[in-house]
Protein backbone atom coordinates (compact mmCIF):
# COMPACT_ATOMS: atom_id res chain seq x y z
CA UNK A 1 0.00 0.00 0.00
CA UNK A 2 1.58 3.22 -1.16
CA UNK A 3 -0.27 5.36 1.38
CA UNK A 4 0.95 3.23 4.27
CA UNK A 5 4.50 3.41 2.97
CA UNK A 6 4.33 7.18 2.59
CA UNK A 7 2.84 7.44 6.06
CA UNK A 8 5.65 5.35 7.54
CA UNK A 9 8.23 7.56 5.82
CA UNK A 10 6.49 10.69 7.09
CA UNK A 11 6.33 9.28 10.61
CA UNK A 12 10.05 8.44 10.47
CA UNK A 13 10.88 11.94 9.25
CA UNK A 14 8.78 13.58 11.96
CA UNK A 15 10.21 11.41 14.73
CA UNK A 16 13.73 12.24 13.52
CA UNK A 17 12.73 15.91 13.65
CA UNK A 18 11.68 15.44 17.28
CA UNK A 19 7.91 15.43 16.77
CA UNK A 20 6.16 13.16 19.32
CA UNK A 21 4.28 10.24 17.77
CA UNK A 22 1.12 11.28 19.62
CA UNK A 23 1.05 14.53 17.66
CA UNK A 24 1.25 12.59 14.41
CA UNK A 25 -1.54 10.26 15.55
CA UNK A 26 -3.80 13.25 16.26
CA UNK A 27 -3.01 14.74 12.86
CA UNK A 28 -3.82 11.46 11.12
CA UNK A 29 -7.07 11.17 13.06
CA UNK A 30 -8.10 14.63 11.84
CA UNK A 31 -7.06 13.92 8.24
CA UNK A 32 -8.71 10.50 8.11
CA UNK A 33 -11.79 10.49 10.36
CA UNK A 34 -12.93 6.96 11.18
PDB file of N, CA and C in Angstrom:
ATOM      1  N   UNK A   1       0.847  -1.202   0.000  1.00  0.00           N
ATOM      2  CA  UNK A   1       0.000   0.000   0.000  1.00  0.00           C
ATOM      3  C   UNK A   1       0.884   1.254   0.000  1.00  0.00           C
ATOM      4  N   UNK A   2       0.748   2.037  -1.019  1.00  0.00           N
ATOM      5  CA  UNK A   2       1.584   3.223  -1.160  1.00  0.00           C
ATOM      6  C   UNK A   2       1.325   4.222  -0.035  1.00  0.00           C
ATOM      7  N   UNK A   3       0.062   4.401   0.320  1.00  0.00           N
ATOM      8  CA  UNK A   3      -0.270   5.363   1.380  1.00  0.00           C
ATOM      9  C   UNK A   3       0.400   4.975   2.690  1.00  0.00           C
ATOM     10  N   UNK A   4       0.350   3.694   3.016  1.00  0.00           N
ATOM     11  CA  UNK A   4       0.949   3.228   4.269  1.00  0.00           C
ATOM     12  C   UNK A   4       2.456   3.451   4.242  1.00  0.00           C
ATOM     13  N   UNK A   5       3.054   3.221   3.086  1.00  0.00           N
ATOM     14  CA  UNK A   5       4.499   3.412   2.974  1.00  0.00           C
ATOM     15  C   UNK A   5       4.852   4.884   3.135  1.00  0.00           C
ATOM     16  N   UNK A   6       4.095   5.742   2.481  1.00  0.00           N
ATOM     17  CA  UNK A   6       4.330   7.183   2.595  1.00  0.00           C
ATOM     18  C   UNK A   6       4.130   7.641   4.033  1.00  0.00           C
ATOM     19  N   UNK A   7       3.118   7.082   4.676  1.00  0.00           N
ATOM     20  CA  UNK A   7       2.836   7.438   6.061  1.00  0.00           C
ATOM     21  C   UNK A   7       3.993   7.022   6.965  1.00  0.00           C
ATOM     22  N   UNK A   8       4.524   5.831   6.738  1.00  0.00           N
ATOM     23  CA  UNK A   8       5.655   5.353   7.535  1.00  0.00           C
ATOM     24  C   UNK A   8       6.865   6.255   7.329  1.00  0.00           C
ATOM     25  N   UNK A   9       7.109   6.667   6.099  1.00  0.00           N
ATOM     26  CA  UNK A   9       8.235   7.558   5.819  1.00  0.00           C
ATOM     27  C   UNK A   9       8.027   8.907   6.487  1.00  0.00           C
ATOM     28  N   UNK A  10       6.799   9.408   6.455  1.00  0.00           N
ATOM     29  CA  UNK A  10       6.491  10.686   7.093  1.00  0.00           C
ATOM     30  C   UNK A  10       6.684  10.589   8.599  1.00  0.00           C
ATOM     31  N   UNK A  11       6.208   9.478   9.174  1.00  0.00           N
ATOM     32  CA  UNK A  11       6.333   9.279  10.612  1.00  0.00           C
ATOM     33  C   UNK A  11       7.800   9.220  11.008  1.00  0.00           C
ATOM     34  N   UNK A  12       8.616   8.537  10.205  1.00  0.00           N
ATOM     35  CA  UNK A  12      10.048   8.437  10.473  1.00  0.00           C
ATOM     36  C   UNK A  12      10.687   9.822  10.411  1.00  0.00           C
ATOM     37  N   UNK A  13      10.318  10.598   9.401  1.00  0.00           N
ATOM     38  CA  UNK A  13      10.877  11.938   9.247  1.00  0.00           C
ATOM     39  C   UNK A  13      10.505  12.825  10.428  1.00  0.00           C
ATOM     40  N   UNK A  14       9.235  12.758  10.841  1.00  0.00           N
ATOM     41  CA  UNK A  14       8.779  13.583  11.959  1.00  0.00           C
ATOM     42  C   UNK A  14       9.453  13.168  13.256  1.00  0.00           C
ATOM     43  N   UNK A  15       9.593  11.859  13.485  1.00  0.00           N
ATOM     44  CA  UNK A  15      10.213  11.409  14.726  1.00  0.00           C
ATOM     45  C   UNK A  15      11.684  11.811  14.749  1.00  0.00           C
ATOM     46  N   UNK A  16      12.334  11.789  13.590  1.00  0.00           N
ATOM     47  CA  UNK A  16      13.727  12.236  13.522  1.00  0.00           C
ATOM     48  C   UNK A  16      13.826  13.735  13.775  1.00  0.00           C
ATOM     49  N   UNK A  17      12.763  14.458  13.435  1.00  0.00           N
ATOM     50  CA  UNK A  17      12.730  15.905  13.652  1.00  0.00           C
ATOM     51  C   UNK A  17      12.334  16.245  15.087  1.00  0.00           C
ATOM     52  N   UNK A  18      12.002  15.214  15.873  1.00  0.00           N
ATOM     53  CA  UNK A  18      11.680  15.437  17.275  1.00  0.00           C
ATOM     54  C   UNK A  18      10.205  15.637  17.539  1.00  0.00           C
ATOM     55  N   UNK A  19       9.359  15.286  16.573  1.00  0.00           N
ATOM     56  CA  UNK A  19       7.913  15.425  16.766  1.00  0.00           C
ATOM     57  C   UNK A  19       7.383  14.179  17.468  1.00  0.00           C
ATOM     58  N   UNK A  20       6.697  14.325  18.598  1.00  0.00           N
ATOM     59  CA  UNK A  20       6.163  13.163  19.316  1.00  0.00           C
ATOM     60  C   UNK A  20       5.166  12.398  18.457  1.00  0.00           C
ATOM     61  N   UNK A  21       5.179  11.067  18.581  1.00  0.00           N
ATOM     62  CA  UNK A  21       4.283  10.235  17.771  1.00  0.00           C
ATOM     63  C   UNK A  21       2.817  10.545  18.060  1.00  0.00           C
ATOM     64  N   UNK A  22       2.504  10.960  19.276  1.00  0.00           N
ATOM     65  CA  UNK A  22       1.122  11.281  19.622  1.00  0.00           C
ATOM     66  C   UNK A  22       0.583  12.436  18.790  1.00  0.00           C
ATOM     67  N   UNK A  23       1.452  13.397  18.491  1.00  0.00           N
ATOM     68  CA  UNK A  23       1.048  14.534  17.663  1.00  0.00           C
ATOM     69  C   UNK A  23       0.694  14.041  16.269  1.00  0.00           C
ATOM     70  N   UNK A  24       1.514  13.138  15.743  1.00  0.00           N
ATOM     71  CA  UNK A  24       1.250  12.585  14.411  1.00  0.00           C
ATOM     72  C   UNK A  24      -0.058  11.814  14.404  1.00  0.00           C
ATOM     73  N   UNK A  25      -0.300  11.039  15.463  1.00  0.00           N
ATOM     74  CA  UNK A  25      -1.543  10.263  15.552  1.00  0.00           C
ATOM     75  C   UNK A  25      -2.760  11.184  15.525  1.00  0.00           C
ATOM     76  N   UNK A  26      -2.679  12.302  16.244  1.00  0.00           N
ATOM     77  CA  UNK A  26      -3.802  13.246  16.261  1.00  0.00           C
ATOM     78  C   UNK A  26      -4.019  13.844  14.878  1.00  0.00           C
ATOM     79  N   UNK A  27      -2.915  14.166  14.198  1.00  0.00           N
ATOM     80  CA  UNK A  27      -3.013  14.742  12.862  1.00  0.00           C
ATOM     81  C   UNK A  27      -3.662  13.755  11.901  1.00  0.00           C
ATOM     82  N   UNK A  28      -3.247  12.502  11.982  1.00  0.00           N
ATOM     83  CA  UNK A  28      -3.818  11.464  11.117  1.00  0.00           C
ATOM     84  C   UNK A  28      -5.307  11.300  11.410  1.00  0.00           C
ATOM     85  N   UNK A  29      -5.669  11.328  12.681  1.00  0.00           N
ATOM     86  CA  UNK A  29      -7.075  11.167  13.060  1.00  0.00           C
ATOM     87  C   UNK A  29      -7.926  12.297  12.467  1.00  0.00           C
ATOM     88  N   UNK A  30      -7.359  13.497  12.410  1.00  0.00           N
ATOM     89  CA  UNK A  30      -8.098  14.629  11.839  1.00  0.00           C
ATOM     90  C   UNK A  30      -8.180  14.512  10.319  1.00  0.00           C
ATOM     91  N   UNK A  31      -7.101  14.036   9.698  1.00  0.00           N
ATOM     92  CA  UNK A  31      -7.064  13.919   8.243  1.00  0.00           C
ATOM     93  C   UNK A  31      -7.940  12.773   7.747  1.00  0.00           C
ATOM     94  N   UNK A  32      -7.959  11.687   8.523  1.00  0.00           N
ATOM     95  CA  UNK A  32      -8.707  10.496   8.109  1.00  0.00           C
ATOM     96  C   UNK A  32      -9.690  10.085   9.193  1.00  0.00           C
ATOM     97  N   UNK A  33     -10.803  10.826   9.318  1.00  0.00           N
ATOM     98  CA  UNK A  33     -11.788  10.489  10.359  1.00  0.00           C
ATOM     99  C   UNK A  33     -12.315   9.077  10.160  1.00  0.00           C
ATOM    100  N   UNK A  34     -12.436   8.349  11.247  1.00  0.00           N
ATOM    101  CA  UNK A  34     -12.926   6.964  11.176  1.00  0.00           C
ATOM    102  C   UNK A  34     -14.439   6.971  11.020  1.00  0.00           C
TER     103      UNK A  34
END
